[in-house]
């Protein structure tokens, strides 16, 4: 199993107030595809840089999860058919980036 992150944007028009029901819908789909949710972070309502489907803002949610790489495609397909989700992006977490040592403040200059 590998670690992944998914950022989901819920449209404000269809989802005026983001509730735990909407977030649970995403985490349930991850569980249905043999994934394990590690953490969920709601970023709240944010403005877009440009209009998407004639909307200027959306609710952002970040979910960190573990899943077999073979099941990620099926998860993406199930999220595409949801009418509440405007956009989503699944990325694999890089193990090297998490293990990299912090650069001291003096060396960064």
C-alpha atoms as a PDB file:
ATOM      1  CA  UNK A   1       0.000   0.000   0.000  1.00  0.00           C
ATOM      2  CA  UNK A   2       1.193   3.492  -0.835  1.00  0.00           C
ATOM      3  CA  UNK A   3       0.380   6.841   0.701  1.00  0.00           C
ATOM      4  CA  UNK A   4      -1.696   9.295  -1.334  1.00  0.00           C
ATOM      5  CA  UNK A   5      -3.289  12.712  -0.959  1.00  0.00           C
ATOM      6  CA  UNK A   6      -6.467  13.851  -2.623  1.00  0.00           C
ATOM      7  CA  UNK A   7      -7.705  17.412  -2.806  1.00  0.00           C
ATOM      8  CA  UNK A   8     -11.428  17.639  -3.473  1.00  0.00           C
ATOM      9  CA  UNK A   9     -13.261  20.842  -4.419  1.00  0.00           C
ATOM     10  CA  UNK A  10     -16.983  20.931  -3.732  1.00  0.00           C
ATOM     11  CA  UNK A  11     -18.946  23.507  -5.709  1.00  0.00           C
ATOM     12  CA  UNK A  12     -20.615  26.250  -3.675  1.00  0.00           C
ATOM     13  CA  UNK A  13     -23.693  26.184  -5.907  1.00  0.00           C
ATOM     14  CA  UNK A  14     -24.503  22.518  -5.147  1.00  0.00           C
ATOM     15  CA  UNK A  15     -23.013  22.469  -1.628  1.00  0.00           C
ATOM     16  CA  UNK A  16     -23.704  25.860   0.036  1.00  0.00           C
ATOM     17  CA  UNK A  17     -22.421  24.647   3.415  1.00  0.00           C
ATOM     18  CA  UNK A  18     -19.828  21.893   3.635  1.00  0.00           C
ATOM     19  CA  UNK A  19     -20.942  19.252   6.143  1.00  0.00           C
ATOM     20  CA  UNK A  20     -19.446  16.049   7.465  1.00  0.00           C
ATOM     21  CA  UNK A  21     -21.836  14.178   5.160  1.00  0.00           C
ATOM     22  CA  UNK A  22     -19.987  15.478   2.094  1.00  0.00           C
ATOM     23  CA  UNK A  23     -16.591  14.651   3.573  1.00  0.00           C
ATOM     24  CA  UNK A  24     -17.816  11.204   4.645  1.00  0.00           C
ATOM     25  CA  UNK A  25     -18.925  10.534   1.070  1.00  0.00           C
ATOM     26  CA  UNK A  26     -15.304  10.902  -0.073  1.00  0.00           C
ATOM     27  CA  UNK A  27     -13.826   8.880   2.795  1.00  0.00           C
ATOM     28  CA  UNK A  28     -16.437   6.140   2.290  1.00  0.00           C
ATOM     29  CA  UNK A  29     -15.442   5.820  -1.359  1.00  0.00           C
ATOM     30  CA  UNK A  30     -11.811   5.469  -0.316  1.00  0.00           C
ATOM     31  CA  UNK A  31     -12.815   2.715   2.120  1.00  0.00           C
ATOM     32  CA  UNK A  32     -14.948   0.990  -0.533  1.00  0.00           C
ATOM     33  CA  UNK A  33     -11.859   0.719  -2.740  1.00  0.00           C
ATOM     34  CA  UNK A  34      -9.800  -0.952   0.022  1.00  0.00           C
ATOM     35  CA  UNK A  35      -8.151   2.266   1.161  1.00  0.00           C
ATOM     36  CA  UNK A  36      -7.389   3.473   4.660  1.00  0.00           C
ATOM     37  CA  UNK A  37      -7.971   7.139   5.551  1.00  0.00           C
ATOM     38  CA  UNK A  38      -5.117   8.621   7.596  1.00  0.00           C
ATOM     39  CA  UNK A  39      -6.323  12.209   8.044  1.00  0.00           C
ATOM     40  CA  UNK A  40      -8.865  14.735   6.767  1.00  0.00           C
ATOM     41  CA  UNK A  41      -8.293  18.502   6.634  1.00  0.00           C
ATOM     42  CA  UNK A  42     -10.995  20.956   5.623  1.00  0.00           C
ATOM     43  CA  UNK A  43      -9.467  24.087   4.102  1.00  0.00           C
ATOM     44  CA  UNK A  44     -12.778  25.897   4.001  1.00  0.00           C
ATOM     45  CA  UNK A  45     -14.261  28.093   1.307  1.00  0.00           C
ATOM     46  CA  UNK A  46     -11.703  29.664  -1.040  1.00  0.00           C
ATOM     47  CA  UNK A  47     -11.775  31.790  -4.171  1.00  0.00           C
ATOM     48  CA  UNK A  48     -10.556  30.371  -7.480  1.00  0.00           C
ATOM     49  CA  UNK A  49      -7.958  32.070  -9.641  1.00  0.00           C
ATOM     50  CA  UNK A  50     -10.454  31.793 -12.514  1.00  0.00           C
ATOM     51  CA  UNK A  51     -14.063  30.702 -12.907  1.00  0.00           C
ATOM     52  CA  UNK A  52     -14.768  26.977 -13.066  1.00  0.00           C
ATOM     53  CA  UNK A  53     -18.206  26.074 -14.402  1.00  0.00           C
ATOM     54  CA  UNK A  54     -19.233  29.724 -13.856  1.00  0.00           C
ATOM     55  CA  UNK A  55     -18.364  29.560 -10.150  1.00  0.00           C
ATOM     56  CA  UNK A  56     -15.781  31.701  -8.403  1.00  0.00           C
ATOM     57  CA  UNK A  57     -15.254  29.739  -5.161  1.00  0.00           C
ATOM     58  CA  UNK A  58     -15.476  26.288  -3.652  1.00  0.00           C
ATOM     59  CA  UNK A  59     -14.970  24.211  -0.517  1.00  0.00           C
ATOM     60  CA  UNK A  60     -11.539  22.543  -0.387  1.00  0.00           C
ATOM     61  CA  UNK A  61     -10.891  19.269   1.472  1.00  0.00           C
ATOM     62  CA  UNK A  62      -7.543  17.438   1.741  1.00  0.00           C
ATOM     63  CA  UNK A  63      -7.625  13.706   2.551  1.00  0.00           C
ATOM     64  CA  UNK A  64      -4.475  11.685   3.223  1.00  0.00           C
ATOM     65  CA  UNK A  65      -4.928   7.946   2.717  1.00  0.00           C
ATOM     66  CA  UNK A  66      -3.179   4.650   1.977  1.00  0.00           C
ATOM     67  CA  UNK A  67      -4.260   2.450  -0.905  1.00  0.00           C
ATOM     68  CA  UNK A  68      -3.027  -0.228  -3.261  1.00  0.00           C
ATOM     69  CA  UNK A  69      -1.895   1.470  -6.505  1.00  0.00           C
ATOM     70  CA  UNK A  70      -4.131  -0.811  -8.573  1.00  0.00           C
ATOM     71  CA  UNK A  71      -7.256   0.581  -6.853  1.00  0.00           C
ATOM     72  CA  UNK A  72      -6.535   4.291  -7.416  1.00  0.00           C
ATOM     73  CA  UNK A  73      -7.994   4.304 -10.930  1.00  0.00           C
ATOM     74  CA  UNK A  74     -11.266   2.820  -9.702  1.00  0.00           C
ATOM     75  CA  UNK A  75     -11.437   5.471  -6.952  1.00  0.00           C
ATOM     76  CA  UNK A  76     -10.924   8.258  -9.497  1.00  0.00           C
ATOM     77  CA  UNK A  77     -13.667   6.827 -11.719  1.00  0.00           C
ATOM     78  CA  UNK A  78     -16.137   6.732  -8.821  1.00  0.00           C
ATOM     79  CA  UNK A  79     -15.337  10.351  -7.867  1.00  0.00           C
ATOM     80  CA  UNK A  80     -15.825  11.569 -11.453  1.00  0.00           C
ATOM     81  CA  UNK A  81     -19.517  10.646 -11.417  1.00  0.00           C
ATOM     82  CA  UNK A  82     -20.293  12.642  -8.266  1.00  0.00           C
ATOM     83  CA  UNK A  83     -22.278  15.786  -9.023  1.00  0.00           C
ATOM     84  CA  UNK A  84     -21.197  17.574  -5.827  1.00  0.00           C
ATOM     85  CA  UNK A  85     -17.472  17.374  -6.637  1.00  0.00           C
ATOM     86  CA  UNK A  86     -16.237  20.033  -9.065  1.00  0.00           C
ATOM     87  CA  UNK A  87     -12.600  18.959  -9.225  1.00  0.00           C
ATOM     88  CA  UNK A  88     -10.257  16.537  -7.522  1.00  0.00           C
ATOM     89  CA  UNK A  89      -6.611  15.559  -7.779  1.00  0.00           C
ATOM     90  CA  UNK A  90      -4.979  12.408  -6.426  1.00  0.00           C
ATOM     91  CA  UNK A  91      -1.201  12.494  -5.932  1.00  0.00           C
ATOM     92  CA  UNK A  92       1.200   9.966  -4.479  1.00  0.00           C
ATOM     93  CA  UNK A  93       3.112  11.180  -1.445  1.00  0.00           C
ATOM     94  CA  UNK A  94       6.863  11.145  -1.915  1.00  0.00           C
ATOM     95  CA  UNK A  95       8.656   9.196   0.823  1.00  0.00           C
ATOM     96  CA  UNK A  96      11.902  11.082   0.190  1.00  0.00           C
ATOM     97  CA  UNK A  97      10.265  14.469   0.731  1.00  0.00           C
ATOM     98  CA  UNK A  98       8.975  13.446   4.143  1.00  0.00           C
ATOM     99  CA  UNK A  99      12.342  12.005   5.181  1.00  0.00           C
ATOM    100  CA  UNK A 100      14.420  14.985   4.000  1.00  0.00           C
ATOM    101  CA  UNK A 101      16.187  16.802   6.832  1.00  0.00           C
ATOM    102  CA  UNK A 102      15.259  20.388   7.579  1.00  0.00           C
ATOM    103  CA  UNK A 103      17.688  23.018   6.282  1.00  0.00           C
ATOM    104  CA  UNK A 104      19.123  25.183   9.058  1.00  0.00           C
ATOM    105  CA  UNK A 105      18.166  28.865   8.834  1.00  0.00           C
ATOM    106  CA  UNK A 106      21.797  29.990   8.354  1.00  0.00           C
ATOM    107  CA  UNK A 107      22.404  27.562   5.481  1.00  0.00           C
ATOM    108  CA  UNK A 108      19.220  28.655   3.704  1.00  0.00           C
ATOM    109  CA  UNK A 109      20.579  32.189   3.215  1.00  0.00           C
END
